[in-house]
Each structure stands twice: as C-alpha cells, then as structure tokens.
Amino acid sequence: MYTETCPDCLGVGTITHRRMMSRYMETATCKKCKGEKVLHYKLSEKERKRRRKCKAKNRVTTPVRWEPPEKIPEEYTF
C-alpha cells in the first residue's frame, strides 16, 4: 500500500474557503481524502504514471474538421 499527501488539502485534512457571496471564511472536511490527510494507492506513483501514459497512447483521437454549411441559393432577387 502506497500513501501520498493529499494534493487538495496539502495534508491538513480541511479546506478553508470563502462562503459564496459572503466575506466569511468556511472550513470544510476535504472531500478527496475525507479528512485522513493522505491518499492510499495500491500501485506506486511510477506505475500509475506509466499506465496513464499507455492509456493515453492507445486512445484514438480523430480530428474533427469544421466545414461551413453550403450556401443556400436565394429564390428571390429583389
């Protein structure tokens, strides 16, 4: 089991942010680590990075070219 410091709360366990439309600060439990301050992984960071890279390499990307619509001939000439 590999453990890493939570990147969201930086190992504090809580996140302090401004309450919406207010000047008051609000403290909430980190949703990513659920207040544990660390994240647990089955694989090492190098292995996870390698797997992400392999998945990105296998992912098919098709370029989408935008073509303007054909101009409709006007029936009436004024």
PDB file of N, CA and C in Angstrom:
ATOM      1  N   MET A   1       0.847  -1.177   0.000  1.00  0.00           N
ATOM      2  CA  MET A   1       0.000   0.000   0.000  1.00  0.00           C
ATOM      3  C   MET A   1       0.889   1.236   0.000  1.00  0.00           C
ATOM      4  N   TYR A   2       0.639   2.137  -0.938  1.00  0.00           N
ATOM      5  CA  TYR A   2       1.408   3.371  -1.046  1.00  0.00           C
ATOM      6  C   TYR A   2       0.552   4.529  -0.546  1.00  0.00           C
ATOM      7  N   THR A   3       1.159   5.427   0.188  1.00  0.00           N
ATOM      8  CA  THR A   3       0.439   6.598   0.691  1.00  0.00           C
ATOM      9  C   THR A   3       1.111   7.859   0.180  1.00  0.00           C
ATOM     10  N   GLU A   4       0.291   8.847  -0.136  1.00  0.00           N
ATOM     11  CA  GLU A   4       0.783  10.147  -0.579  1.00  0.00           C
ATOM     12  C   GLU A   4      -0.026  11.241   0.107  1.00  0.00           C
ATOM     13  N   THR A   5       0.581  12.384   0.280  1.00  0.00           N
ATOM     14  CA  THR A   5      -0.108  13.526   0.866  1.00  0.00           C
ATOM     15  C   THR A   5      -1.210  13.981  -0.081  1.00  0.00           C
ATOM     16  N   CYS A   6      -2.338  14.336   0.456  1.00  0.00           N
ATOM     17  CA  CYS A   6      -3.484  14.768  -0.353  1.00  0.00           C
ATOM     18  C   CYS A   6      -3.136  16.063  -1.087  1.00  0.00           C
ATOM     19  N   PRO A   7      -3.288  16.092  -2.422  1.00  0.00           N
ATOM     20  CA  PRO A   7      -2.966  17.319  -3.160  1.00  0.00           C
ATOM     21  C   PRO A   7      -3.994  18.430  -2.991  1.00  0.00           C
ATOM     22  N   ASP A   8      -5.203  18.104  -2.590  1.00  0.00           N
ATOM     23  CA  ASP A   8      -6.237  19.130  -2.427  1.00  0.00           C
ATOM     24  C   ASP A   8      -6.049  19.934  -1.144  1.00  0.00           C
ATOM     25  N   CYS A   9      -5.895  19.245  -0.016  1.00  0.00           N
ATOM     26  CA  CYS A   9      -5.786  19.945   1.270  1.00  0.00           C
ATOM     27  C   CYS A   9      -4.333  20.079   1.732  1.00  0.00           C
ATOM     28  N   LEU A  10      -3.394  19.532   0.972  1.00  0.00           N
ATOM     29  CA  LEU A  10      -1.955  19.593   1.271  1.00  0.00           C
ATOM     30  C   LEU A  10      -1.622  18.972   2.627  1.00  0.00           C
ATOM     31  N   GLY A  11      -2.344  17.929   2.992  1.00  0.00           N
ATOM     32  CA  GLY A  11      -2.059  17.201   4.215  1.00  0.00           C
ATOM     33  C   GLY A  11      -2.637  17.802   5.476  1.00  0.00           C
ATOM     34  N   VAL A  12      -3.577  18.713   5.373  1.00  0.00           N
ATOM     35  CA  VAL A  12      -4.183  19.331   6.544  1.00  0.00           C
ATOM     36  C   VAL A  12      -5.451  18.594   6.953  1.00  0.00           C
ATOM     37  N   GLY A  13      -6.212  18.127   5.966  1.00  0.00           N
ATOM     38  CA  GLY A  13      -7.454  17.420   6.257  1.00  0.00           C
ATOM     39  C   GLY A  13      -8.687  18.278   6.136  1.00  0.00           C
ATOM     40  N   THR A  14      -8.501  19.592   6.153  1.00  0.00           N
ATOM     41  CA  THR A  14      -9.620  20.516   5.997  1.00  0.00           C
ATOM     42  C   THR A  14      -9.278  21.539   4.924  1.00  0.00           C
ATOM     43  N   ILE A  15     -10.317  22.085   4.316  1.00  0.00           N
ATOM     44  CA  ILE A  15     -10.140  23.114   3.298  1.00  0.00           C
ATOM     45  C   ILE A  15     -10.876  24.354   3.769  1.00  0.00           C
ATOM     46  N   THR A  16     -10.181  25.483   3.741  1.00  0.00           N
ATOM     47  CA  THR A  16     -10.774  26.748   4.137  1.00  0.00           C
ATOM     48  C   THR A  16     -11.052  27.548   2.871  1.00  0.00           C
ATOM     49  N   HIS A  17     -12.284  27.976   2.711  1.00  0.00           N
ATOM     50  CA  HIS A  17     -12.658  28.742   1.530  1.00  0.00           C
ATOM     51  C   HIS A  17     -13.717  29.764   1.905  1.00  0.00           C
ATOM     52  N   ARG A  18     -13.902  30.716   1.014  1.00  0.00           N
ATOM     53  CA  ARG A  18     -14.912  31.735   1.252  1.00  0.00           C
ATOM     54  C   ARG A  18     -16.293  31.179   1.000  1.00  0.00           C
ATOM     55  N   ARG A  19     -17.202  31.531   1.899  1.00  0.00           N
ATOM     56  CA  ARG A  19     -18.597  31.171   1.690  1.00  0.00           C
ATOM     57  C   ARG A  19     -19.110  32.000   0.517  1.00  0.00           C
ATOM     58  N   MET A  20     -19.958  31.405  -0.285  1.00  0.00           N
ATOM     59  CA  MET A  20     -20.414  32.059  -1.501  1.00  0.00           C
ATOM     60  C   MET A  20     -21.148  33.356  -1.194  1.00  0.00           C
ATOM     61  N   MET A  21     -20.789  34.397  -1.920  1.00  0.00           N
ATOM     62  CA  MET A  21     -21.410  35.718  -1.801  1.00  0.00           C
ATOM     63  C   MET A  21     -21.307  36.274  -0.378  1.00  0.00           C
ATOM     64  N   SER A  22     -20.201  36.007   0.293  1.00  0.00           N
ATOM     65  CA  SER A  22     -20.042  36.475   1.652  1.00  0.00           C
ATOM     66  C   SER A  22     -18.569  36.777   1.893  1.00  0.00           C
ATOM     67  N   ARG A  23     -18.284  37.472   2.966  1.00  0.00           N
ATOM     68  CA  ARG A  23     -16.895  37.750   3.320  1.00  0.00           C
ATOM     69  C   ARG A  23     -16.375  36.795   4.388  1.00  0.00           C
ATOM     70  N   TYR A  24     -17.235  35.897   4.860  1.00  0.00           N
ATOM     71  CA  TYR A  24     -16.858  34.965   5.916  1.00  0.00           C
ATOM     72  C   TYR A  24     -16.161  33.742   5.347  1.00  0.00           C
ATOM     73  N   MET A  25     -15.206  33.217   6.104  1.00  0.00           N
ATOM     74  CA  MET A  25     -14.471  32.017   5.704  1.00  0.00           C
ATOM     75  C   MET A  25     -15.174  30.794   6.288  1.00  0.00           C
ATOM     76  N   GLU A  26     -15.132  29.717   5.536  1.00  0.00           N
ATOM     77  CA  GLU A  26     -15.786  28.485   5.952  1.00  0.00           C
ATOM     78  C   GLU A  26     -14.763  27.353   5.894  1.00  0.00           C
ATOM     79  N   THR A  27     -14.761  26.490   6.895  1.00  0.00           N
ATOM     80  CA  THR A  27     -13.854  25.353   6.925  1.00  0.00           C
ATOM     81  C   THR A  27     -14.658  24.083   6.720  1.00  0.00           C
ATOM     82  N   ALA A  28     -14.188  23.248   5.794  1.00  0.00           N
ATOM     83  CA  ALA A  28     -14.895  22.011   5.481  1.00  0.00           C
ATOM     84  C   ALA A  28     -13.890  20.870   5.406  1.00  0.00           C
ATOM     85  N   THR A  29     -14.366  19.664   5.640  1.00  0.00           N
ATOM     86  CA  THR A  29     -13.517  18.487   5.532  1.00  0.00           C
ATOM     87  C   THR A  29     -13.190  18.242   4.067  1.00  0.00           C
ATOM     88  N   CYS A  30     -11.962  17.866   3.807  1.00  0.00           N
ATOM     89  CA  CYS A  30     -11.527  17.596   2.432  1.00  0.00           C
ATOM     90  C   CYS A  30     -12.319  16.418   1.871  1.00  0.00           C
ATOM     91  N   LYS A  31     -12.875  16.592   0.681  1.00  0.00           N
ATOM     92  CA  LYS A  31     -13.687  15.541   0.082  1.00  0.00           C
ATOM     93  C   LYS A  31     -12.856  14.469  -0.600  1.00  0.00           C
ATOM     94  N   LYS A  32     -11.630  14.799  -0.970  1.00  0.00           N
ATOM     95  CA  LYS A  32     -10.792  13.821  -1.665  1.00  0.00           C
ATOM     96  C   LYS A  32     -10.223  12.791  -0.697  1.00  0.00           C
ATOM     97  N   CYS A  33      -9.683  13.239   0.430  1.00  0.00           N
ATOM     98  CA  CYS A  33      -9.096  12.305   1.393  1.00  0.00           C
ATOM     99  C   CYS A  33     -10.022  12.028   2.577  1.00  0.00           C
ATOM    100  N   LYS A  34     -11.156  12.721   2.643  1.00  0.00           N
ATOM    101  CA  LYS A  34     -12.147  12.574   3.712  1.00  0.00           C
ATOM    102  C   LYS A  34     -11.560  12.846   5.092  1.00  0.00           C
ATOM    103  N   GLY A  35     -10.617  13.790   5.171  1.00  0.00           N
ATOM    104  CA  GLY A  35     -10.039  14.197   6.440  1.00  0.00           C
ATOM    105  C   GLY A  35      -8.884  13.333   6.920  1.00  0.00           C
ATOM    106  N   GLU A  36      -8.463  12.337   6.145  1.00  0.00           N
ATOM    107  CA  GLU A  36      -7.370  11.454   6.576  1.00  0.00           C
ATOM    108  C   GLU A  36      -5.991  12.049   6.334  1.00  0.00           C
ATOM    109  N   LYS A  37      -5.883  13.106   5.542  1.00  0.00           N
ATOM    110  CA  LYS A  37      -4.654  13.824   5.228  1.00  0.00           C
ATOM    111  C   LYS A  37      -3.748  13.093   4.234  1.00  0.00           C
ATOM    112  N   VAL A  38      -4.009  11.835   3.952  1.00  0.00           N
ATOM    113  CA  VAL A  38      -3.218  11.083   2.972  1.00  0.00           C
ATOM    114  C   VAL A  38      -4.152  10.279   2.074  1.00  0.00           C
ATOM    115  N   LEU A  39      -3.649   9.928   0.892  1.00  0.00           N
ATOM    116  CA  LEU A  39      -4.381   9.069  -0.032  1.00  0.00           C
ATOM    117  C   LEU A  39      -3.663   7.730  -0.116  1.00  0.00           C
ATOM    118  N   HIS A  40      -4.418   6.654  -0.150  1.00  0.00           N
ATOM    119  CA  HIS A  40      -3.848   5.312  -0.216  1.00  0.00           C
ATOM    120  C   HIS A  40      -4.014   4.756  -1.626  1.00  0.00           C
ATOM    121  N   TYR A  41      -2.924   4.224  -2.179  1.00  0.00           N
ATOM    122  CA  TYR A  41      -2.944   3.641  -3.512  1.00  0.00           C
ATOM    123  C   TYR A  41      -2.378   2.235  -3.457  1.00  0.00           C
ATOM    124  N   LYS A  42      -2.857   1.379  -4.368  1.00  0.00           N
ATOM    125  CA  LYS A  42      -2.315   0.024  -4.460  1.00  0.00           C
ATOM    126  C   LYS A  42      -1.023   0.002  -5.259  1.00  0.00           C
ATOM    127  N   LEU A  43      -0.878   0.937  -6.216  1.00  0.00           N
ATOM    128  CA  LEU A  43       0.293   0.970  -7.092  1.00  0.00           C
ATOM    129  C   LEU A  43       1.163   2.172  -6.764  1.00  0.00           C
ATOM    130  N   SER A  44       2.436   2.059  -7.129  1.00  0.00           N
ATOM    131  CA  SER A  44       3.345   3.174  -6.893  1.00  0.00           C
ATOM    132  C   SER A  44       3.037   4.300  -7.875  1.00  0.00           C
ATOM    133  N   GLU A  45       3.589   5.468  -7.608  1.00  0.00           N
ATOM    134  CA  GLU A  45       3.332   6.622  -8.461  1.00  0.00           C
ATOM    135  C   GLU A  45       3.898   6.399  -9.860  1.00  0.00           C
ATOM    136  N   LYS A  46       5.043   5.760  -9.959  1.00  0.00           N
ATOM    137  CA  LYS A  46       5.644   5.490 -11.271  1.00  0.00           C
ATOM    138  C   LYS A  46       4.766   4.553 -12.089  1.00  0.00           C
ATOM    139  N   GLU A  47       4.230   3.534 -11.445  1.00  0.00           N
ATOM    140  CA  GLU A  47       3.375   2.578 -12.154  1.00  0.00           C
ATOM    141  C   GLU A  47       2.074   3.245 -12.612  1.00  0.00           C
ATOM    142  N   ARG A  48       1.480   4.083 -11.769  1.00  0.00           N
ATOM    143  CA  ARG A  48       0.254   4.777 -12.157  1.00  0.00           C
ATOM    144  C   ARG A  48       0.512   5.730 -13.318  1.00  0.00           C
ATOM    145  N   LYS A  49       1.659   6.420 -13.288  1.00  0.00           N
ATOM    146  CA  LYS A  49       2.021   7.329 -14.370  1.00  0.00           C
ATOM    147  C   LYS A  49       2.230   6.565 -15.671  1.00  0.00           C
ATOM    148  N   ARG A  50       2.873   5.407 -15.591  1.00  0.00           N
ATOM    149  CA  ARG A  50       3.120   4.585 -16.781  1.00  0.00           C
ATOM    150  C   ARG A  50       1.796   4.096 -17.379  1.00  0.00           C
ATOM    151  N   ARG A  51       0.881   3.676 -16.528  1.00  0.00           N
ATOM    152  CA  ARG A  51      -0.420   3.194 -17.017  1.00  0.00           C
ATOM    153  C   ARG A  51      -1.244   4.308 -17.651  1.00  0.00           C
ATOM    154  N   ARG A  52      -1.202   5.509 -17.066  1.00  0.00           N
ATOM    155  CA  ARG A  52      -1.897   6.652 -17.661  1.00  0.00           C
ATOM    156  C   ARG A  52      -1.343   6.960 -19.044  1.00  0.00           C
ATOM    157  N   LYS A  53      -0.007   6.874 -19.157  1.00  0.00           N
ATOM    158  CA  LYS A  53       0.652   7.147 -20.430  1.00  0.00           C
ATOM    159  C   LYS A  53       0.263   6.109 -21.482  1.00  0.00           C
ATOM    160  N   CYS A  54       0.188   4.842 -21.093  1.00  0.00           N
ATOM    161  CA  CYS A  54      -0.203   3.776 -22.023  1.00  0.00           C
ATOM    162  C   CYS A  54      -1.650   3.944 -22.474  1.00  0.00           C
ATOM    163  N   LYS A  55      -2.533   4.298 -21.541  1.00  0.00           N
ATOM    164  CA  LYS A  55      -3.932   4.508 -21.910  1.00  0.00           C
ATOM    165  C   LYS A  55      -4.075   5.690 -22.860  1.00  0.00           C
ATOM    166  N   ALA A  56      -3.318   6.757 -22.618  1.00  0.00           N
ATOM    167  CA  ALA A  56      -3.391   7.926 -23.491  1.00  0.00           C
ATOM    168  C   ALA A  56      -2.858   7.589 -24.876  1.00  0.00           C
ATOM    169  N   LYS A  57      -1.857   6.738 -24.935  1.00  0.00           N
ATOM    170  CA  LYS A  57      -1.280   6.342 -26.220  1.00  0.00           C
ATOM    171  C   LYS A  57      -2.276   5.506 -27.014  1.00  0.00           C
ATOM    172  N   ASN A  58      -3.030   4.652 -26.340  1.00  0.00           N
ATOM    173  CA  ASN A  58      -3.993   3.790 -27.012  1.00  0.00           C
ATOM    174  C   ASN A  58      -5.288   4.498 -27.366  1.00  0.00           C
ATOM    175  N   ARG A  59      -5.532   5.630 -26.759  1.00  0.00           N
ATOM    176  CA  ARG A  59      -6.762   6.370 -27.006  1.00  0.00           C
ATOM    177  C   ARG A  59      -6.755   6.923 -28.430  1.00  0.00           C
ATOM    178  N   VAL A  60      -7.831   6.722 -29.135  1.00  0.00           N
ATOM    179  CA  VAL A  60      -7.930   7.174 -30.515  1.00  0.00           C
ATOM    180  C   VAL A  60      -8.448   8.600 -30.532  1.00  0.00           C
ATOM    181  N   THR A  61      -7.743   9.429 -31.229  1.00  0.00           N
ATOM    182  CA  THR A  61      -8.195  10.806 -31.374  1.00  0.00           C
ATOM    183  C   THR A  61      -8.437  11.061 -32.850  1.00  0.00           C
ATOM    184  N   THR A  62      -9.634  11.408 -33.173  1.00  0.00           N
ATOM    185  CA  THR A  62      -9.977  11.715 -34.559  1.00  0.00           C
ATOM    186  C   THR A  62     -10.136  13.217 -34.698  1.00  0.00           C
ATOM    187  N   PRO A  63      -9.367  13.809 -35.601  1.00  0.00           N
ATOM    188  CA  PRO A  63      -9.510  15.251 -35.765  1.00  0.00           C
ATOM    189  C   PRO A  63     -10.845  15.573 -36.421  1.00  0.00           C
ATOM    190  N   VAL A  64     -11.503  16.550 -35.895  1.00  0.00           N
ATOM    191  CA  VAL A  64     -12.790  16.970 -36.431  1.00  0.00           C
ATOM    192  C   VAL A  64     -12.579  18.271 -37.179  1.00  0.00           C
ATOM    193  N   ARG A  65     -12.871  18.230 -38.448  1.00  0.00           N
ATOM    194  CA  ARG A  65     -12.728  19.439 -39.255  1.00  0.00           C
ATOM    195  C   ARG A  65     -14.093  20.063 -39.443  1.00  0.00           C
ATOM    196  N   TRP A  66     -14.170  21.328 -39.147  1.00  0.00           N
ATOM    197  CA  TRP A  66     -15.423  22.032 -39.306  1.00  0.00           C
ATOM    198  C   TRP A  66     -15.512  22.521 -40.737  1.00  0.00           C
ATOM    199  N   GLU A  67     -16.620  22.203 -41.375  1.00  0.00           N
ATOM    200  CA  GLU A  67     -16.849  22.682 -42.726  1.00  0.00           C
ATOM    201  C   GLU A  67     -18.058  23.608 -42.704  1.00  0.00           C
ATOM    202  N   PRO A  68     -17.919  24.744 -43.313  1.00  0.00           N
ATOM    203  CA  PRO A  68     -19.059  25.657 -43.304  1.00  0.00           C
ATOM    204  C   PRO A  68     -20.212  25.072 -44.115  1.00  0.00           C
ATOM    205  N   PRO A  69     -21.416  25.377 -43.720  1.00  0.00           N
ATOM    206  CA  PRO A  69     -22.564  24.843 -44.470  1.00  0.00           C
ATOM    207  C   PRO A  69     -22.611  25.432 -45.876  1.00  0.00           C
ATOM    208  N   GLU A  70     -23.205  24.668 -46.765  1.00  0.00           N
ATOM    209  CA  GLU A  70     -23.314  25.144 -48.140  1.00  0.00           C
ATOM    210  C   GLU A  70     -24.232  26.355 -48.197  1.00  0.00           C
ATOM    211  N   LYS A  71     -23.877  27.251 -49.084  1.00  0.00           N
ATOM    212  CA  LYS A  71     -24.686  28.457 -49.214  1.00  0.00           C
ATOM    213  C   LYS A  71     -25.975  28.098 -49.970  1.00  0.00           C
ATOM    214  N   ILE A  72     -27.087  28.458 -49.394  1.00  0.00           N
ATOM    215  CA  ILE A  72     -28.367  28.160 -49.995  1.00  0.00           C
ATOM    216  C   ILE A  72     -28.673  29.245 -51.043  1.00  0.00           C
ATOM    217  N   PRO A  73     -28.929  28.838 -52.272  1.00  0.00           N
ATOM    218  CA  PRO A  73     -29.244  29.853 -53.285  1.00  0.00           C
ATOM    219  C   PRO A  73     -30.574  30.532 -52.967  1.00  0.00           C
ATOM    220  N   GLU A  74     -30.564  31.804 -53.078  1.00  0.00           N
ATOM    221  CA  GLU A  74     -31.775  32.554 -52.776  1.00  0.00           C
ATOM    222  C   GLU A  74     -32.755  32.451 -53.936  1.00  0.00           C
ATOM    223  N   GLU A  75     -33.998  32.224 -53.584  1.00  0.00           N
ATOM    224  CA  GLU A  75     -35.011  32.067 -54.620  1.00  0.00           C
ATOM    225  C   GLU A  75     -35.463  33.399 -55.187  1.00  0.00           C
ATOM    226  N   TYR A  76     -35.420  34.415 -54.393  1.00  0.00           N
ATOM    227  CA  TYR A  76     -35.934  35.715 -54.834  1.00  0.00           C
ATOM    228  C   TYR A  76     -34.788  36.685 -55.023  1.00  0.00           C
ATOM    229  N   THR A  77     -34.871  37.463 -56.049  1.00  0.00           N
ATOM    230  CA  THR A  77     -33.910  38.535 -56.259  1.00  0.00           C
ATOM    231  C   THR A  77     -34.675  39.854 -56.249  1.00  0.00           C
ATOM    232  N   PHE A  78     -34.372  40.694 -55.354  1.00  0.00           N
ATOM    233  CA  PHE A  78     -35.081  41.971 -55.233  1.00  0.00           C
ATOM    234  C   PHE A  78     -34.273  43.082 -55.817  1.00  0.00           C
TER     235      PHE A  78
END
